[in-house]
Amino acid sequence: MNHVEPIFIVGTVFFTIAYIIETILKYRLRSRIVSSGLTDEKLIKGLFASKVDNRYSALKWGILLLFAGIGLIVLEYVPYEYDSPLPYGIEGTFIALGFLVYYFMVNGKPAGQRPE
């Protein structure tokens, strides 16, 4: 378990710094747009809105957690060595499948099918 702690620490520091930089850059962009004299009410409301309303957010996280759970269940039955990267590959594959299923559910038909 000692080898996992540095990964979490580096990841947490990286994402914290990235979030701070993103917040500062968004603030600067909003300030410049407002100070340039744009008075469109919809634009200003959109700039200062905290998050976009996503009506499929619960569906996305439900499907993602379902496939992540299926990946963990599959890992219980697959033999692998302690130092093997196989568990990461299997879990990553199932999470990616979850995102693909969500994409196809939200957008309707798969990309290969043409409307008739």
C-alpha atoms as a PDB file:
ATOM      1  CA  MET A   1       0.000   0.000   0.000  1.00  0.00           C
ATOM      2  CA  ASN A   2       3.003   2.318   0.389  1.00  0.00           C
ATOM      3  CA  HIS A   3       3.467   2.619  -3.368  1.00  0.00           C
ATOM      4  CA  VAL A   4      -0.067   4.024  -3.878  1.00  0.00           C
ATOM      5  CA  GLU A   5       0.255   7.015  -1.545  1.00  0.00           C
ATOM      6  CA  PRO A   6       2.713   9.007  -3.720  1.00  0.00           C
ATOM      7  CA  ILE A   7       0.417   8.528  -6.715  1.00  0.00           C
ATOM      8  CA  PHE A   8      -2.533   9.972  -4.797  1.00  0.00           C
ATOM      9  CA  ILE A   9      -0.459  12.863  -3.475  1.00  0.00           C
ATOM     10  CA  VAL A  10       0.942  13.788  -6.907  1.00  0.00           C
ATOM     11  CA  GLY A  11      -2.498  13.441  -8.498  1.00  0.00           C
ATOM     12  CA  THR A  12      -4.154  15.592  -5.847  1.00  0.00           C
ATOM     13  CA  VAL A  13      -1.519  18.316  -6.135  1.00  0.00           C
ATOM     14  CA  PHE A  14      -1.710  18.274  -9.953  1.00  0.00           C
ATOM     15  CA  PHE A  15      -5.501  18.543 -10.090  1.00  0.00           C
ATOM     16  CA  THR A  16      -5.561  21.227  -7.395  1.00  0.00           C
ATOM     17  CA  ILE A  17      -3.066  23.371  -9.312  1.00  0.00           C
ATOM     18  CA  ALA A  18      -4.948  22.767 -12.580  1.00  0.00           C
ATOM     19  CA  TYR A  19      -8.241  23.794 -10.952  1.00  0.00           C
ATOM     20  CA  ILE A  20      -6.726  26.981  -9.533  1.00  0.00           C
ATOM     21  CA  ILE A  21      -5.226  27.919 -12.914  1.00  0.00           C
ATOM     22  CA  GLU A  22      -8.535  27.207 -14.665  1.00  0.00           C
ATOM     23  CA  THR A  23     -10.442  29.376 -12.181  1.00  0.00           C
ATOM     24  CA  ILE A  24      -8.008  32.278 -12.599  1.00  0.00           C
ATOM     25  CA  LEU A  25      -8.120  32.085 -16.404  1.00  0.00           C
ATOM     26  CA  LYS A  26     -11.933  31.962 -16.446  1.00  0.00           C
ATOM     27  CA  TYR A  27     -12.078  35.006 -14.187  1.00  0.00           C
ATOM     28  CA  ARG A  28      -9.688  36.947 -16.422  1.00  0.00           C
ATOM     29  CA  LEU A  29     -11.697  36.027 -19.526  1.00  0.00           C
ATOM     30  CA  ARG A  30     -14.975  37.066 -17.923  1.00  0.00           C
ATOM     31  CA  SER A  31     -13.476  40.346 -16.726  1.00  0.00           C
ATOM     32  CA  ARG A  32     -12.144  41.200 -20.182  1.00  0.00           C
ATOM     33  CA  ILE A  33     -15.438  40.423 -21.889  1.00  0.00           C
ATOM     34  CA  VAL A  34     -17.445  42.497 -19.417  1.00  0.00           C
ATOM     35  CA  SER A  35     -14.977  45.406 -19.541  1.00  0.00           C
ATOM     36  CA  SER A  36     -15.005  45.389 -23.357  1.00  0.00           C
ATOM     37  CA  GLY A  37     -18.593  46.598 -23.255  1.00  0.00           C
ATOM     38  CA  LEU A  38     -20.538  43.539 -24.364  1.00  0.00           C
ATOM     39  CA  THR A  39     -23.997  43.970 -22.928  1.00  0.00           C
ATOM     40  CA  ASP A  40     -25.808  40.925 -24.255  1.00  0.00           C
ATOM     41  CA  GLU A  41     -27.763  39.664 -21.253  1.00  0.00           C
ATOM     42  CA  LYS A  42     -27.630  35.996 -22.273  1.00  0.00           C
ATOM     43  CA  LEU A  43     -23.861  36.158 -22.734  1.00  0.00           C
ATOM     44  CA  ILE A  44     -23.295  37.692 -19.316  1.00  0.00           C
ATOM     45  CA  LYS A  45     -25.577  35.148 -17.623  1.00  0.00           C
ATOM     46  CA  GLY A  46     -23.748  32.355 -19.433  1.00  0.00           C
ATOM     47  CA  LEU A  47     -20.368  33.678 -18.355  1.00  0.00           C
ATOM     48  CA  PHE A  48     -21.278  33.816 -14.706  1.00  0.00           C
ATOM     49  CA  ALA A  49     -23.239  30.580 -14.556  1.00  0.00           C
ATOM     50  CA  SER A  50     -21.322  28.068 -12.457  1.00  0.00           C
ATOM     51  CA  LYS A  51     -22.228  24.898 -14.332  1.00  0.00           C
ATOM     52  CA  VAL A  52     -24.190  23.899 -17.387  1.00  0.00           C
ATOM     53  CA  ASP A  53     -27.361  21.943 -16.611  1.00  0.00           C
ATOM     54  CA  ASN A  54     -26.805  18.415 -17.858  1.00  0.00           C
ATOM     55  CA  ARG A  55     -29.957  16.363 -17.688  1.00  0.00           C
ATOM     56  CA  TYR A  56     -28.032  13.164 -18.425  1.00  0.00           C
ATOM     57  CA  SER A  57     -25.514  13.558 -15.598  1.00  0.00           C
ATOM     58  CA  ALA A  58     -27.099  10.909 -13.363  1.00  0.00           C
ATOM     59  CA  LEU A  59     -27.318   8.504 -16.296  1.00  0.00           C
ATOM     60  CA  LYS A  60     -23.643   9.040 -17.122  1.00  0.00           C
ATOM     61  CA  TRP A  61     -22.432   8.400 -13.589  1.00  0.00           C
ATOM     62  CA  GLY A  62     -24.779   5.441 -13.134  1.00  0.00           C
ATOM     63  CA  ILE A  63     -23.529   3.727 -16.286  1.00  0.00           C
ATOM     64  CA  LEU A  64     -19.916   4.577 -15.482  1.00  0.00           C
ATOM     65  CA  LEU A  65     -20.159   3.152 -11.958  1.00  0.00           C
ATOM     66  CA  LEU A  66     -21.992   0.076 -13.272  1.00  0.00           C
ATOM     67  CA  PHE A  67     -19.219  -0.728 -15.738  1.00  0.00           C
ATOM     68  CA  ALA A  68     -16.502   0.055 -13.185  1.00  0.00           C
ATOM     69  CA  GLY A  69     -18.188  -2.379 -10.802  1.00  0.00           C
ATOM     70  CA  ILE A  70     -18.429  -5.026 -13.513  1.00  0.00           C
ATOM     71  CA  GLY A  71     -14.717  -4.531 -14.165  1.00  0.00           C
ATOM     72  CA  LEU A  72     -13.930  -5.098 -10.479  1.00  0.00           C
ATOM     73  CA  ILE A  73     -16.090  -8.242 -10.458  1.00  0.00           C
ATOM     74  CA  VAL A  74     -14.244  -9.566 -13.525  1.00  0.00           C
ATOM     75  CA  LEU A  75     -10.936  -8.899 -11.753  1.00  0.00           C
ATOM     76  CA  GLU A  76     -11.986 -11.279  -8.978  1.00  0.00           C
ATOM     77  CA  TYR A  77     -12.070 -14.152 -11.462  1.00  0.00           C
ATOM     78  CA  VAL A  78      -9.003 -13.320 -13.575  1.00  0.00           C
ATOM     79  CA  PRO A  79      -5.690 -14.643 -12.245  1.00  0.00           C
ATOM     80  CA  TYR A  80      -2.835 -12.143 -12.393  1.00  0.00           C
ATOM     81  CA  GLU A  81       0.520 -11.486 -10.746  1.00  0.00           C
ATOM     82  CA  TYR A  82       0.900  -8.844  -8.033  1.00  0.00           C
ATOM     83  CA  ASP A  83       3.104  -6.564 -10.178  1.00  0.00           C
ATOM     84  CA  SER A  84       1.083  -7.063 -13.371  1.00  0.00           C
ATOM     85  CA  PRO A  85      -0.546  -4.091 -15.126  1.00  0.00           C
ATOM     86  CA  LEU A  86      -3.430  -6.365 -16.178  1.00  0.00           C
ATOM     87  CA  PRO A  87      -5.905  -5.119 -13.512  1.00  0.00           C
ATOM     88  CA  TYR A  88      -5.409  -1.518 -14.615  1.00  0.00           C
ATOM     89  CA  GLY A  89      -6.013  -2.481 -18.234  1.00  0.00           C
ATOM     90  CA  ILE A  90      -9.148  -4.453 -17.437  1.00  0.00           C
ATOM     91  CA  GLU A  91     -10.616  -1.729 -15.225  1.00  0.00           C
ATOM     92  CA  GLY A  92      -9.707   0.989 -17.732  1.00  0.00           C
ATOM     93  CA  THR A  93     -11.328  -1.009 -20.531  1.00  0.00           C
ATOM     94  CA  PHE A  94     -14.571  -1.443 -18.612  1.00  0.00           C
ATOM     95  CA  ILE A  95     -14.686   2.256 -17.696  1.00  0.00           C
ATOM     96  CA  ALA A  96     -14.095   3.170 -21.356  1.00  0.00           C
ATOM     97  CA  LEU A  97     -16.903   0.792 -22.359  1.00  0.00           C
ATOM     98  CA  GLY A  98     -19.143   2.566 -19.864  1.00  0.00           C
ATOM     99  CA  PHE A  99     -18.387   5.921 -21.479  1.00  0.00           C
ATOM    100  CA  LEU A 100     -19.051   4.473 -24.946  1.00  0.00           C
ATOM    101  CA  VAL A 101     -22.388   2.997 -23.851  1.00  0.00           C
ATOM    102  CA  TYR A 102     -23.357   6.359 -22.361  1.00  0.00           C
ATOM    103  CA  TYR A 103     -22.340   8.158 -25.573  1.00  0.00           C
ATOM    104  CA  PHE A 104     -24.414   5.855 -27.756  1.00  0.00           C
ATOM    105  CA  MET A 105     -27.407   6.057 -25.420  1.00  0.00           C
ATOM    106  CA  VAL A 106     -27.392   9.859 -25.400  1.00  0.00           C
ATOM    107  CA  ASN A 107     -26.721  10.324 -29.115  1.00  0.00           C
ATOM    108  CA  GLY A 108     -29.129   7.660 -30.303  1.00  0.00           C
ATOM    109  CA  LYS A 109     -27.641   5.449 -32.973  1.00  0.00           C
ATOM    110  CA  PRO A 110     -24.022   4.255 -33.204  1.00  0.00           C
ATOM    111  CA  ALA A 111     -21.815   6.214 -35.593  1.00  0.00           C
ATOM    112  CA  GLY A 112     -21.679   3.387 -38.169  1.00  0.00           C
ATOM    113  CA  GLN A 113     -25.438   3.366 -38.750  1.00  0.00           C
ATOM    114  CA  ARG A 114     -26.912   5.783 -41.248  1.00  0.00           C
ATOM    115  CA  PRO A 115     -30.435   7.158 -40.951  1.00  0.00           C
ATOM    116  CA  GLU A 116     -32.828   5.743 -43.522  1.00  0.00           C
END
